[in-house]
Amino acid sequence: MKAAARARANIALLKYWGKADDGPLNIPAVGSISITLDALWSDTEVHFDGSLAADELTLNGQHRPEQLDRVRRCLDLLRGRAGVKRPARITSRNNFPTGAGLASSASGYAALTAAAAAALDVKLTARELSIVARQGSGSAARSVFGGFVEMHAGMRPDGSDSYAEPLMPAEAWPLELVVAVTARSEKQVSSRAGMTRSAATSPYFPAWVARSPVDLKQGREAILKRDFESLADVAERNCLSMHGAAMAARPPLLYWNGATIACLEAVRELRRGGVPVFFTIDAGPQLKAVCAPGESAAVREALTDVPGVVDVLQSGLGCGVEAAIPDSG
């Protein structure tokens, strides 16, 4: 009863920020649109072992018992479907900074869900896998799929219409991404805690939620038409609106550092010089520069020169989650 899976991080171009249900169902307050990255991934192995006293989680070589409550949400749903009560040993590794605003929870929970389902021989559709992964991490619902992905917030109280689905395959518009890493440490306020604080205390949060359907429509149409300028316009506006709502929370949430702002200005300067590129920033200090095909080398060079940038990562668009059951021999 053991299997492994690889899932890739995704970066939201139209953001998910806030929850309609902050309990076990973990339903987002707004929909979102993302791109799945081929160069940033999580590898996770799940082994259901009756000799264990309880579930165990090792992440990047360290035991992380504080994360087991969220892990069990996904595992218990699958154990219930399989009629199995065995504890699981989960071993996961990310090839990029963890908990630092690079969607490690998205790839991690998508890989966890796929590996656990394979180990238990639970047959799930991709939509069902997305729904289970969402209950560990909202953005994990999107990492089930590759290319351009849309997450539906849904309206049903049971969360059955809150899932992600493919919007357009990666090869249809092979955008490129450059990530300016400005800090490797885990952020002080998690995305989940930040969303809760923003929804409860930010005067701008209701406007953020009300605006989301308009941004989603523009973003969806821009992607399907391969309209880079329109996508850049809505993605940057949506990003700044999300962070504006977070900054207005009490106490304020400021996920950026000085290098984040310097990178933002560098991207704007590149665009003024004719380079097709735009920025987006999630709940963390890392800036992501989304480039038209063939433009990432120039963007990488410019961001490498920004003071305070400790690393620069580069990626194309990637595929969805992959799971495998090891040979018994």
C-alpha atoms as a PDB file:
ATOM      1  CA  MET A   1       0.000   0.000   0.000  1.00  0.00           C
ATOM      2  CA  LYS A   2       2.629   2.452  -1.147  1.00  0.00           C
ATOM      3  CA  ALA A   3       2.826   4.904  -4.041  1.00  0.00           C
ATOM      4  CA  ALA A   4       4.588   8.096  -5.066  1.00  0.00           C
ATOM      5  CA  ALA A   5       3.550  11.139  -7.058  1.00  0.00           C
ATOM      6  CA  ARG A   6       5.035  14.309  -8.486  1.00  0.00           C
ATOM      7  CA  ALA A   7       3.033  17.518  -8.742  1.00  0.00           C
ATOM      8  CA  ARG A   8       4.178  20.912  -9.893  1.00  0.00           C
ATOM      9  CA  ALA A   9       3.750  24.319  -8.344  1.00  0.00           C
ATOM     10  CA  ASN A  10       1.313  26.701  -9.966  1.00  0.00           C
ATOM     11  CA  ILE A  11       1.303  30.479  -9.996  1.00  0.00           C
ATOM     12  CA  ALA A  12      -2.043  32.257  -9.970  1.00  0.00           C
ATOM     13  CA  LEU A  13      -2.385  34.981 -12.569  1.00  0.00           C
ATOM     14  CA  LEU A  14      -5.826  35.807 -11.142  1.00  0.00           C
ATOM     15  CA  LYS A  15      -5.526  35.317  -7.413  1.00  0.00           C
ATOM     16  CA  TYR A  16      -7.220  33.159  -4.817  1.00  0.00           C
ATOM     17  CA  TRP A  17      -7.370  35.151  -1.575  1.00  0.00           C
ATOM     18  CA  GLY A  18     -10.007  34.520   1.064  1.00  0.00           C
ATOM     19  CA  LYS A  19     -12.298  31.645   1.931  1.00  0.00           C
ATOM     20  CA  ALA A  20     -16.051  31.169   1.768  1.00  0.00           C
ATOM     21  CA  ASP A  21     -15.591  28.222   4.147  1.00  0.00           C
ATOM     22  CA  ASP A  22     -12.613  28.307   6.494  1.00  0.00           C
ATOM     23  CA  GLY A  23     -13.466  24.907   7.963  1.00  0.00           C
ATOM     24  CA  PRO A  24     -12.665  21.411   6.692  1.00  0.00           C
ATOM     25  CA  LEU A  25     -14.136  22.010   3.218  1.00  0.00           C
ATOM     26  CA  ASN A  26     -11.709  24.909   2.579  1.00  0.00           C
ATOM     27  CA  ILE A  27     -13.847  26.564  -0.118  1.00  0.00           C
ATOM     28  CA  PRO A  28     -12.336  29.688  -1.738  1.00  0.00           C
ATOM     29  CA  ALA A  29     -14.177  33.008  -1.697  1.00  0.00           C
ATOM     30  CA  VAL A  30     -13.251  33.705  -5.319  1.00  0.00           C
ATOM     31  CA  GLY A  31     -12.261  31.779  -8.421  1.00  0.00           C
ATOM     32  CA  SER A  32      -8.739  31.892  -9.818  1.00  0.00           C
ATOM     33  CA  ILE A  33      -6.683  31.199 -12.942  1.00  0.00           C
ATOM     34  CA  SER A  34      -3.153  29.829 -12.809  1.00  0.00           C
ATOM     35  CA  ILE A  35      -0.268  28.421 -14.822  1.00  0.00           C
ATOM     36  CA  THR A  36       1.439  25.171 -13.834  1.00  0.00           C
ATOM     37  CA  LEU A  37       5.253  25.266 -13.876  1.00  0.00           C
ATOM     38  CA  ASP A  38       7.485  22.487 -15.165  1.00  0.00           C
ATOM     39  CA  ALA A  39      10.620  23.346 -13.150  1.00  0.00           C
ATOM     40  CA  LEU A  40       9.190  23.561  -9.593  1.00  0.00           C
ATOM     41  CA  TRP A  41       7.844  20.341  -8.133  1.00  0.00           C
ATOM     42  CA  SER A  42       7.068  18.251  -5.060  1.00  0.00           C
ATOM     43  CA  ASP A  43       7.810  14.525  -4.887  1.00  0.00           C
ATOM     44  CA  THR A  44       5.714  12.703  -2.290  1.00  0.00           C
ATOM     45  CA  GLU A  45       5.566   9.069  -1.213  1.00  0.00           C
ATOM     46  CA  VAL A  46       2.690   7.707   0.885  1.00  0.00           C
ATOM     47  CA  HIS A  47       2.954   4.318   2.599  1.00  0.00           C
ATOM     48  CA  PHE A  48      -0.026   2.988   4.556  1.00  0.00           C
ATOM     49  CA  ASP A  49       1.554   0.826   7.242  1.00  0.00           C
ATOM     50  CA  GLY A  50      -0.370  -1.006   9.962  1.00  0.00           C
ATOM     51  CA  SER A  51       2.709  -1.073  12.198  1.00  0.00           C
ATOM     52  CA  LEU A  52       2.574   2.710  12.686  1.00  0.00           C
ATOM     53  CA  ALA A  53       0.907   4.163  15.763  1.00  0.00           C
ATOM     54  CA  ALA A  54      -0.187   7.320  13.902  1.00  0.00           C
ATOM     55  CA  ASP A  55       0.370   9.265  10.678  1.00  0.00           C
ATOM     56  CA  GLU A  56       3.895  10.611  10.192  1.00  0.00           C
ATOM     57  CA  LEU A  57       5.070  13.428   7.915  1.00  0.00           C
ATOM     58  CA  THR A  58       8.620  14.182   6.826  1.00  0.00           C
ATOM     59  CA  LEU A  59       9.095  17.258   4.639  1.00  0.00           C
ATOM     60  CA  ASN A  60      12.504  18.019   3.166  1.00  0.00           C
ATOM     61  CA  GLY A  61      14.071  15.666   5.694  1.00  0.00           C
ATOM     62  CA  GLN A  62      12.383  17.197   8.755  1.00  0.00           C
ATOM     63  CA  HIS A  63       9.484  15.835  10.789  1.00  0.00           C
ATOM     64  CA  ARG A  64       6.538  18.268  10.571  1.00  0.00           C
ATOM     65  CA  PRO A  65       3.837  17.078  13.008  1.00  0.00           C
ATOM     66  CA  GLU A  66       2.248  20.556  13.081  1.00  0.00           C
ATOM     67  CA  GLN A  67       1.061  20.028   9.502  1.00  0.00           C
ATOM     68  CA  LEU A  68      -0.588  16.664  10.091  1.00  0.00           C
ATOM     69  CA  ASP A  69      -4.081  18.047  10.739  1.00  0.00           C
ATOM     70  CA  ARG A  70      -4.292  19.370   7.177  1.00  0.00           C
ATOM     71  CA  VAL A  71      -2.680  16.228   5.780  1.00  0.00           C
ATOM     72  CA  ARG A  72      -5.251  14.036   7.538  1.00  0.00           C
ATOM     73  CA  ARG A  73      -8.114  15.936   5.902  1.00  0.00           C
ATOM     74  CA  CYS A  74      -7.048  14.509   2.559  1.00  0.00           C
ATOM     75  CA  LEU A  75      -5.975  11.105   3.871  1.00  0.00           C
ATOM     76  CA  ASP A  76      -9.171  10.500   5.866  1.00  0.00           C
ATOM     77  CA  LEU A  77     -11.364  11.231   2.843  1.00  0.00           C
ATOM     78  CA  LEU A  78      -9.455   8.628   0.844  1.00  0.00           C
ATOM     79  CA  ARG A  79      -9.190   6.121   3.681  1.00  0.00           C
ATOM     80  CA  GLY A  80     -12.946   6.375   4.098  1.00  0.00           C
ATOM     81  CA  ARG A  81     -13.543   5.589   0.424  1.00  0.00           C
ATOM     82  CA  ALA A  82     -11.122   2.651   0.572  1.00  0.00           C
ATOM     83  CA  GLY A  83     -12.417   1.284   3.868  1.00  0.00           C
ATOM     84  CA  VAL A  84      -8.908   1.451   5.321  1.00  0.00           C
ATOM     85  CA  LYS A  85      -7.856   2.725   8.748  1.00  0.00           C
ATOM     86  CA  ARG A  86      -4.094   2.217   8.552  1.00  0.00           C
ATOM     87  CA  PRO A  87      -1.846   5.163   9.431  1.00  0.00           C
ATOM     88  CA  ALA A  88       0.423   6.525   6.733  1.00  0.00           C
ATOM     89  CA  ARG A  89       4.060   7.506   6.522  1.00  0.00           C
ATOM     90  CA  ILE A  90       4.365  10.517   4.205  1.00  0.00           C
ATOM     91  CA  THR A  91       7.734  11.573   2.843  1.00  0.00           C
ATOM     92  CA  SER A  92       7.799  14.701   0.706  1.00  0.00           C
ATOM     93  CA  ARG A  93      10.489  16.853  -0.871  1.00  0.00           C
ATOM     94  CA  ASN A  94      10.319  20.158  -2.735  1.00  0.00           C
ATOM     95  CA  ASN A  95      12.995  21.214  -5.203  1.00  0.00           C
ATOM     96  CA  PHE A  96      12.373  24.906  -4.378  1.00  0.00           C
ATOM     97  CA  PRO A  97      11.970  27.025  -1.204  1.00  0.00           C
ATOM     98  CA  THR A  98       9.142  25.799   1.026  1.00  0.00           C
ATOM     99  CA  GLY A  99       6.499  28.048   2.580  1.00  0.00           C
ATOM    100  CA  ALA A 100       8.066  31.143   1.033  1.00  0.00           C
ATOM    101  CA  GLY A 101       5.371  32.217  -1.412  1.00  0.00           C
ATOM    102  CA  LEU A 102       6.188  29.815  -4.241  1.00  0.00           C
ATOM    103  CA  ALA A 103       3.107  27.572  -3.966  1.00  0.00           C
ATOM    104  CA  SER A 104       4.816  24.653  -2.231  1.00  0.00           C
ATOM    105  CA  SER A 105       1.540  23.752  -0.506  1.00  0.00           C
ATOM    106  CA  ALA A 106      -0.164  23.539  -3.911  1.00  0.00           C
ATOM    107  CA  SER A 107       2.280  21.037  -5.350  1.00  0.00           C
ATOM    108  CA  GLY A 108       2.675  19.251  -2.014  1.00  0.00           C
ATOM    109  CA  TYR A 109      -1.016  18.538  -1.403  1.00  0.00           C
ATOM    110  CA  ALA A 110      -1.679  17.658  -5.035  1.00  0.00           C
ATOM    111  CA  ALA A 111       1.145  15.110  -4.892  1.00  0.00           C
ATOM    112  CA  LEU A 112      -0.038  13.832  -1.498  1.00  0.00           C
ATOM    113  CA  THR A 113      -3.579  13.280  -2.742  1.00  0.00           C
ATOM    114  CA  ALA A 114      -2.511  11.535  -5.946  1.00  0.00           C
ATOM    115  CA  ALA A 115      -0.008   9.296  -4.143  1.00  0.00           C
ATOM    116  CA  ALA A 116      -2.466   8.359  -1.391  1.00  0.00           C
ATOM    117  CA  ALA A 117      -5.228   7.558  -3.887  1.00  0.00           C
ATOM    118  CA  ALA A 118      -2.839   5.357  -5.882  1.00  0.00           C
ATOM    119  CA  ALA A 119      -1.580   3.570  -2.751  1.00  0.00           C
ATOM    120  CA  LEU A 120      -5.157   2.844  -1.657  1.00  0.00           C
ATOM    121  CA  ASP A 121      -6.241   1.936  -5.193  1.00  0.00           C
ATOM    122  CA  VAL A 122      -9.018   4.533  -4.999  1.00  0.00           C
ATOM    123  CA  LYS A 123     -10.106   5.429  -8.518  1.00  0.00           C
ATOM    124  CA  LEU A 124     -10.765   9.169  -8.753  1.00  0.00           C
ATOM    125  CA  THR A 125     -11.539  11.344 -11.737  1.00  0.00           C
ATOM    126  CA  ALA A 126      -9.279  14.370 -12.149  1.00  0.00           C
ATOM    127  CA  ARG A 127     -12.132  16.551 -10.863  1.00  0.00           C
ATOM    128  CA  GLU A 128     -12.546  14.379  -7.763  1.00  0.00           C
ATOM    129  CA  LEU A 129      -8.807  14.497  -7.151  1.00  0.00           C
ATOM    130  CA  SER A 130      -8.969  18.294  -7.387  1.00  0.00           C
ATOM    131  CA  ILE A 131     -11.793  18.433  -4.827  1.00  0.00           C
ATOM    132  CA  VAL A 132      -9.894  16.264  -2.332  1.00  0.00           C
ATOM    133  CA  ALA A 133      -6.621  18.183  -2.805  1.00  0.00           C
ATOM    134  CA  ARG A 134      -8.482  21.478  -2.229  1.00  0.00           C
ATOM    135  CA  GLN A 135      -9.309  20.397   1.304  1.00  0.00           C
ATOM    136  CA  GLY A 136      -5.614  20.310   2.153  1.00  0.00           C
ATOM    137  CA  SER A 137      -4.675  23.487   0.254  1.00  0.00           C
ATOM    138  CA  GLY A 138      -6.986  25.595  -1.884  1.00  0.00           C
ATOM    139  CA  SER A 139      -4.386  26.139  -4.600  1.00  0.00           C
ATOM    140  CA  ALA A 140      -3.566  22.399  -4.715  1.00  0.00           C
ATOM    141  CA  ALA A 141      -6.796  21.905  -6.666  1.00  0.00           C
ATOM    142  CA  ARG A 142      -5.096  23.668  -9.583  1.00  0.00           C
ATOM    143  CA  SER A 143      -1.812  21.700  -9.464  1.00  0.00           C
ATOM    144  CA  VAL A 144      -3.712  18.545 -10.430  1.00  0.00           C
ATOM    145  CA  PHE A 145      -3.722  19.935 -13.987  1.00  0.00           C
ATOM    146  CA  GLY A 146      -1.108  21.301 -16.363  1.00  0.00           C
ATOM    147  CA  GLY A 147      -0.923  24.412 -18.513  1.00  0.00           C
ATOM    148  CA  PHE A 148      -3.548  27.092 -17.872  1.00  0.00           C
ATOM    149  CA  VAL A 149      -6.035  26.128 -15.160  1.00  0.00           C
ATOM    150  CA  GLU A 150      -9.210  27.731 -13.834  1.00  0.00           C
ATOM    151  CA  MET A 151     -10.473  27.138 -10.294  1.00  0.00           C
ATOM    152  CA  HIS A 152     -14.205  27.564  -9.696  1.00  0.00           C
ATOM    153  CA  ALA A 153     -15.124  28.883  -6.268  1.00  0.00           C
ATOM    154  CA  GLY A 154     -18.503  27.173  -6.454  1.00  0.00           C
ATOM    155  CA  MET A 155     -21.737  27.909  -4.610  1.00  0.00           C
ATOM    156  CA  ARG A 156     -22.844  24.597  -3.090  1.00  0.00           C
ATOM    157  CA  PRO A 157     -22.398  24.282   0.679  1.00  0.00           C
ATOM    158  CA  ASP A 158     -20.882  20.800   0.311  1.00  0.00           C
ATOM    159  CA  GLY A 159     -18.076  22.086  -1.953  1.00  0.00           C
ATOM    160  CA  SER A 160     -18.951  19.703  -4.785  1.00  0.00           C
ATOM    161  CA  ASP A 161     -18.787  22.496  -7.389  1.00  0.00           C
ATOM    162  CA  SER A 162     -15.543  23.960  -6.021  1.00  0.00           C
ATOM    163  CA  TYR A 163     -12.884  22.425  -8.253  1.00  0.00           C
ATOM    164  CA  ALA A 164     -10.274  23.223 -10.892  1.00  0.00           C
ATOM    165  CA  GLU A 165     -10.268  22.247 -14.545  1.00  0.00           C
ATOM    166  CA  PRO A 166      -7.988  22.788 -17.545  1.00  0.00           C
ATOM    167  CA  LEU A 167      -8.463  26.040 -19.428  1.00  0.00           C
ATOM    168  CA  MET A 168      -5.834  25.653 -22.158  1.00  0.00           C
ATOM    169  CA  PRO A 169      -2.892  23.250 -22.639  1.00  0.00           C
ATOM    170  CA  ALA A 170       0.652  24.460 -22.071  1.00  0.00           C
ATOM    171  CA  GLU A 171       1.727  23.949 -25.671  1.00  0.00           C
ATOM    172  CA  ALA A 172      -1.057  26.210 -26.958  1.00  0.00           C
ATOM    173  CA  TRP A 173       0.713  29.292 -25.537  1.00  0.00           C
ATOM    174  CA  PRO A 174       4.109  28.396 -24.023  1.00  0.00           C
ATOM    175  CA  LEU A 175       4.628  31.376 -21.749  1.00  0.00           C
ATOM    176  CA  GLU A 176       7.798  31.472 -19.666  1.00  0.00           C
ATOM    177  CA  LEU A 177       8.336  32.411 -16.036  1.00  0.00           C
ATOM    178  CA  VAL A 178      11.266  33.949 -14.184  1.00  0.00           C
ATOM    179  CA  VAL A 179      11.144  33.957 -10.381  1.00  0.00           C
ATOM    180  CA  ALA A 180      13.217  36.479  -8.434  1.00  0.00           C
ATOM    181  CA  VAL A 181      13.796  34.845  -5.037  1.00  0.00           C
ATOM    182  CA  THR A 182      14.338  37.596  -2.465  1.00  0.00           C
ATOM    183  CA  ALA A 183      14.130  35.414   0.680  1.00  0.00           C
ATOM    184  CA  ARG A 184      14.432  31.656   1.246  1.00  0.00           C
ATOM    185  CA  SER A 185      12.917  31.456   4.728  1.00  0.00           C
ATOM    186  CA  GLU A 186       9.317  30.541   5.483  1.00  0.00           C
ATOM    187  CA  LYS A 187       7.055  33.583   5.748  1.00  0.00           C
ATOM    188  CA  GLN A 188       5.943  34.717   9.195  1.00  0.00           C
ATOM    189  CA  VAL A 189       2.218  34.749   8.370  1.00  0.00           C
ATOM    190  CA  SER A 190       0.951  31.823   6.304  1.00  0.00           C
ATOM    191  CA  SER A 191      -1.366  32.347   3.353  1.00  0.00           C
ATOM    192  CA  ARG A 192      -4.198  30.673   5.225  1.00  0.00           C
ATOM    193  CA  ALA A 193      -3.788  32.925   8.280  1.00  0.00           C
ATOM    194  CA  GLY A 194      -3.406  35.967   6.028  1.00  0.00           C
ATOM    195  CA  MET A 195      -6.625  35.208   4.190  1.00  0.00           C
ATOM    196  CA  THR A 196      -8.520  34.822   7.445  1.00  0.00           C
ATOM    197  CA  ARG A 197      -7.170  38.121   8.775  1.00  0.00           C
ATOM    198  CA  SER A 198      -7.917  39.966   5.524  1.00  0.00           C
ATOM    199  CA  ALA A 199     -11.494  38.696   5.351  1.00  0.00           C
ATOM    200  CA  ALA A 200     -12.145  39.578   8.989  1.00  0.00           C
ATOM    201  CA  THR A 201     -10.502  43.000   9.205  1.00  0.00           C
ATOM    202  CA  SER A 202      -9.696  44.554   5.815  1.00  0.00           C
ATOM    203  CA  PRO A 203     -12.181  47.216   4.642  1.00  0.00           C
ATOM    204  CA  TYR A 204     -11.086  46.460   1.077  1.00  0.00           C
ATOM    205  CA  PHE A 205     -11.843  42.738   1.181  1.00  0.00           C
ATOM    206  CA  PRO A 206     -15.524  43.016   0.048  1.00  0.00           C
ATOM    207  CA  ALA A 207     -14.440  45.058  -2.979  1.00  0.00           C
ATOM    208  CA  TRP A 208     -11.789  42.426  -3.771  1.00  0.00           C
ATOM    209  CA  VAL A 209     -14.424  39.681  -3.817  1.00  0.00           C
ATOM    210  CA  ALA A 210     -16.894  41.768  -5.843  1.00  0.00           C
ATOM    211  CA  ARG A 211     -14.299  42.571  -8.506  1.00  0.00           C
ATOM    212  CA  SER A 212     -13.110  38.983  -8.994  1.00  0.00           C
ATOM    213  CA  PRO A 213     -15.664  37.842 -11.638  1.00  0.00           C
ATOM    214  CA  VAL A 214     -14.770  40.819 -13.855  1.00  0.00           C
ATOM    215  CA  ASP A 215     -11.047  40.049 -13.626  1.00  0.00           C
ATOM    216  CA  LEU A 216     -11.629  36.348 -14.256  1.00  0.00           C
ATOM    217  CA  LYS A 217     -13.611  37.089 -17.422  1.00  0.00           C
ATOM    218  CA  GLN A 218     -10.886  39.381 -18.795  1.00  0.00           C
ATOM    219  CA  GLY A 219      -8.145  36.924 -17.890  1.00  0.00           C
ATOM    220  CA  ARG A 220      -9.951  33.935 -19.376  1.00  0.00           C
ATOM    221  CA  GLU A 221     -10.615  35.769 -22.637  1.00  0.00           C
ATOM    222  CA  ALA A 222      -7.027  37.057 -22.822  1.00  0.00           C
ATOM    223  CA  ILE A 223      -5.625  33.536 -22.442  1.00  0.00           C
ATOM    224  CA  LEU A 224      -7.923  31.974 -25.018  1.00  0.00           C
ATOM    225  CA  LYS A 225      -7.063  34.778 -27.476  1.00  0.00           C
ATOM    226  CA  ARG A 226      -3.330  34.718 -26.578  1.00  0.00           C
ATOM    227  CA  ASP A 227      -3.627  38.453 -25.865  1.00  0.00           C
ATOM    228  CA  PHE A 228      -0.509  39.173 -23.798  1.00  0.00           C
ATOM    229  CA  GLU A 229      -1.224  42.864 -23.220  1.00  0.00           C
ATOM    230  CA  SER A 230      -4.714  42.223 -21.891  1.00  0.00           C
ATOM    231  CA  LEU A 231      -3.467  39.423 -19.639  1.00  0.00           C
ATOM    232  CA  ALA A 232      -0.670  41.645 -18.319  1.00  0.00           C
ATOM    233  CA  ASP A 233      -3.170  44.419 -17.557  1.00  0.00           C
ATOM    234  CA  VAL A 234      -5.573  42.273 -15.561  1.00  0.00           C
ATOM    235  CA  ALA A 235      -2.935  40.122 -13.843  1.00  0.00           C
ATOM    236  CA  GLU A 236      -0.987  43.081 -12.448  1.00  0.00           C
ATOM    237  CA  ARG A 237      -4.141  44.890 -11.365  1.00  0.00           C
ATOM    238  CA  ASN A 238      -5.480  41.747  -9.699  1.00  0.00           C
ATOM    239  CA  CYS A 239      -2.188  41.149  -7.906  1.00  0.00           C
ATOM    240  CA  LEU A 240      -2.011  44.674  -6.515  1.00  0.00           C
ATOM    241  CA  SER A 241      -5.670  44.535  -5.479  1.00  0.00           C
ATOM    242  CA  MET A 242      -5.040  41.367  -3.490  1.00  0.00           C
ATOM    243  CA  HIS A 243      -2.051  42.867  -1.732  1.00  0.00           C
ATOM    244  CA  GLY A 244      -3.968  46.106  -1.160  1.00  0.00           C
ATOM    245  CA  ALA A 245      -6.648  44.158   0.700  1.00  0.00           C
ATOM    246  CA  ALA A 246      -3.952  42.383   2.723  1.00  0.00           C
ATOM    247  CA  MET A 247      -2.107  45.602   3.575  1.00  0.00           C
ATOM    248  CA  ALA A 248      -5.339  47.157   4.856  1.00  0.00           C
ATOM    249  CA  ALA A 249      -5.931  44.289   7.294  1.00  0.00           C
ATOM    250  CA  ARG A 250      -5.427  44.798  11.044  1.00  0.00           C
ATOM    251  CA  PRO A 251      -2.635  44.313  11.812  1.00  0.00           C
ATOM    252  CA  PRO A 252      -1.416  44.975   8.248  1.00  0.00           C
ATOM    253  CA  LEU A 253      -0.055  42.153   6.123  1.00  0.00           C
ATOM    254  CA  LEU A 254       3.006  43.168   4.113  1.00  0.00           C
ATOM    255  CA  TYR A 255       4.492  40.140   2.372  1.00  0.00           C
ATOM    256  CA  TRP A 256       7.003  42.155   0.322  1.00  0.00           C
ATOM    257  CA  ASN A 257      10.522  43.327   1.100  1.00  0.00           C
ATOM    258  CA  GLY A 258      12.625  46.022  -0.504  1.00  0.00           C
ATOM    259  CA  ALA A 259      13.939  43.697  -3.205  1.00  0.00           C
ATOM    260  CA  THR A 260      10.376  42.720  -4.150  1.00  0.00           C
ATOM    261  CA  ILE A 261       9.574  46.342  -4.969  1.00  0.00           C
ATOM    262  CA  ALA A 262      12.865  46.803  -6.808  1.00  0.00           C
ATOM    263  CA  CYS A 263      12.071  43.752  -8.961  1.00  0.00           C
ATOM    264  CA  LEU A 264       8.592  45.104  -9.648  1.00  0.00           C
ATOM    265  CA  GLU A 265      10.130  48.340 -10.940  1.00  0.00           C
ATOM    266  CA  ALA A 266      12.651  46.357 -13.019  1.00  0.00           C
ATOM    267  CA  VAL A 267       9.820  44.475 -14.748  1.00  0.00           C
ATOM    268  CA  ARG A 268       7.965  47.720 -15.455  1.00  0.00           C
ATOM    269  CA  GLU A 269      11.147  49.204 -16.916  1.00  0.00           C
ATOM    270  CA  LEU A 270      11.623  46.151 -19.150  1.00  0.00           C
ATOM    271  CA  ARG A 271       8.078  46.510 -20.452  1.00  0.00           C
ATOM    272  CA  ARG A 272       8.596  50.197 -21.133  1.00  0.00           C
ATOM    273  CA  GLY A 273      11.608  49.113 -23.198  1.00  0.00           C
ATOM    274  CA  GLY A 274       9.475  46.819 -25.329  1.00  0.00           C
ATOM    275  CA  VAL A 275       9.967  43.465 -23.571  1.00  0.00           C
ATOM    276  CA  PRO A 276       6.645  41.565 -23.250  1.00  0.00           C
ATOM    277  CA  VAL A 277       6.670  40.774 -19.523  1.00  0.00           C
ATOM    278  CA  PHE A 278       4.464  41.399 -16.487  1.00  0.00           C
ATOM    279  CA  PHE A 279       4.740  40.715 -12.767  1.00  0.00           C
ATOM    280  CA  THR A 280       2.686  38.850 -10.236  1.00  0.00           C
ATOM    281  CA  ILE A 281       3.354  38.309  -6.521  1.00  0.00           C
ATOM    282  CA  ASP A 282       1.671  35.835  -4.203  1.00  0.00           C
ATOM    283  CA  ALA A 283       1.642  35.859  -0.390  1.00  0.00           C
ATOM    284  CA  GLY A 284       5.387  36.094  -0.046  1.00  0.00           C
ATOM    285  CA  PRO A 285       8.343  38.241  -1.117  1.00  0.00           C
ATOM    286  CA  GLN A 286       9.144  36.459  -4.376  1.00  0.00           C
ATOM    287  CA  LEU A 287       8.348  38.240  -7.632  1.00  0.00           C
ATOM    288  CA  LYS A 288       7.255  36.194 -10.641  1.00  0.00           C
ATOM    289  CA  ALA A 289       7.832  37.675 -14.071  1.00  0.00           C
ATOM    290  CA  VAL A 290       5.627  36.153 -16.772  1.00  0.00           C
ATOM    291  CA  CYS A 291       7.172  36.481 -20.238  1.00  0.00           C
ATOM    292  CA  ALA A 292       6.087  35.905 -23.797  1.00  0.00           C
ATOM    293  CA  PRO A 293       7.742  32.840 -25.396  1.00  0.00           C
ATOM    294  CA  GLY A 294      11.463  33.370 -25.989  1.00  0.00           C
ATOM    295  CA  GLU A 295      11.806  36.413 -23.719  1.00  0.00           C
ATOM    296  CA  SER A 296      12.895  34.856 -20.416  1.00  0.00           C
ATOM    297  CA  ALA A 297      16.678  35.174 -20.932  1.00  0.00           C
ATOM    298  CA  ALA A 298      16.554  38.982 -21.031  1.00  0.00           C
ATOM    299  CA  VAL A 299      14.208  39.100 -18.045  1.00  0.00           C
ATOM    300  CA  ARG A 300      16.395  36.738 -16.043  1.00  0.00           C
ATOM    301  CA  GLU A 301      19.468  38.869 -16.713  1.00  0.00           C
ATOM    302  CA  ALA A 302      17.698  42.020 -15.553  1.00  0.00           C
ATOM    303  CA  LEU A 303      16.317  40.474 -12.349  1.00  0.00           C
ATOM    304  CA  THR A 304      19.650  38.864 -11.467  1.00  0.00           C
ATOM    305  CA  ASP A 305      21.163  42.350 -11.277  1.00  0.00           C
ATOM    306  CA  VAL A 306      18.578  43.649  -8.769  1.00  0.00           C
ATOM    307  CA  PRO A 307      20.138  44.155  -5.298  1.00  0.00           C
ATOM    308  CA  GLY A 308      18.639  41.783  -2.737  1.00  0.00           C
ATOM    309  CA  VAL A 309      17.815  38.998  -5.192  1.00  0.00           C
ATOM    310  CA  VAL A 310      19.362  35.807  -3.788  1.00  0.00           C
ATOM    311  CA  ASP A 311      18.441  33.463  -6.640  1.00  0.00           C
ATOM    312  CA  VAL A 312      16.640  33.467  -9.963  1.00  0.00           C
ATOM    313  CA  LEU A 313      14.580  30.498 -11.131  1.00  0.00           C
ATOM    314  CA  GLN A 314      13.316  29.930 -14.639  1.00  0.00           C
ATOM    315  CA  SER A 315      10.484  27.722 -15.855  1.00  0.00           C
ATOM    316  CA  GLY A 316       8.195  26.929 -18.705  1.00  0.00           C
ATOM    317  CA  LEU A 317       4.682  25.587 -18.364  1.00  0.00           C
ATOM    318  CA  GLY A 318       4.295  22.041 -17.110  1.00  0.00           C
ATOM    319  CA  CYS A 319       1.959  19.076 -16.964  1.00  0.00           C
ATOM    320  CA  GLY A 320      -0.429  17.882 -14.287  1.00  0.00           C
ATOM    321  CA  VAL A 321       0.152  15.491 -11.411  1.00  0.00           C
ATOM    322  CA  GLU A 322       1.849  12.145 -12.091  1.00  0.00           C
ATOM    323  CA  ALA A 323       1.445   9.127  -9.796  1.00  0.00           C
ATOM    324  CA  ALA A 324       3.102   5.718  -9.806  1.00  0.00           C
ATOM    325  CA  ILE A 325       2.895   2.537  -7.727  1.00  0.00           C
ATOM    326  CA  PRO A 326       6.355   0.986  -7.144  1.00  0.00           C
ATOM    327  CA  ASP A 327       6.938  -2.571  -8.344  1.00  0.00           C
ATOM    328  CA  SER A 328       6.412  -5.101  -5.581  1.00  0.00           C
ATOM    329  CA  GLY A 329       9.854  -6.591  -6.231  1.00  0.00           C
END
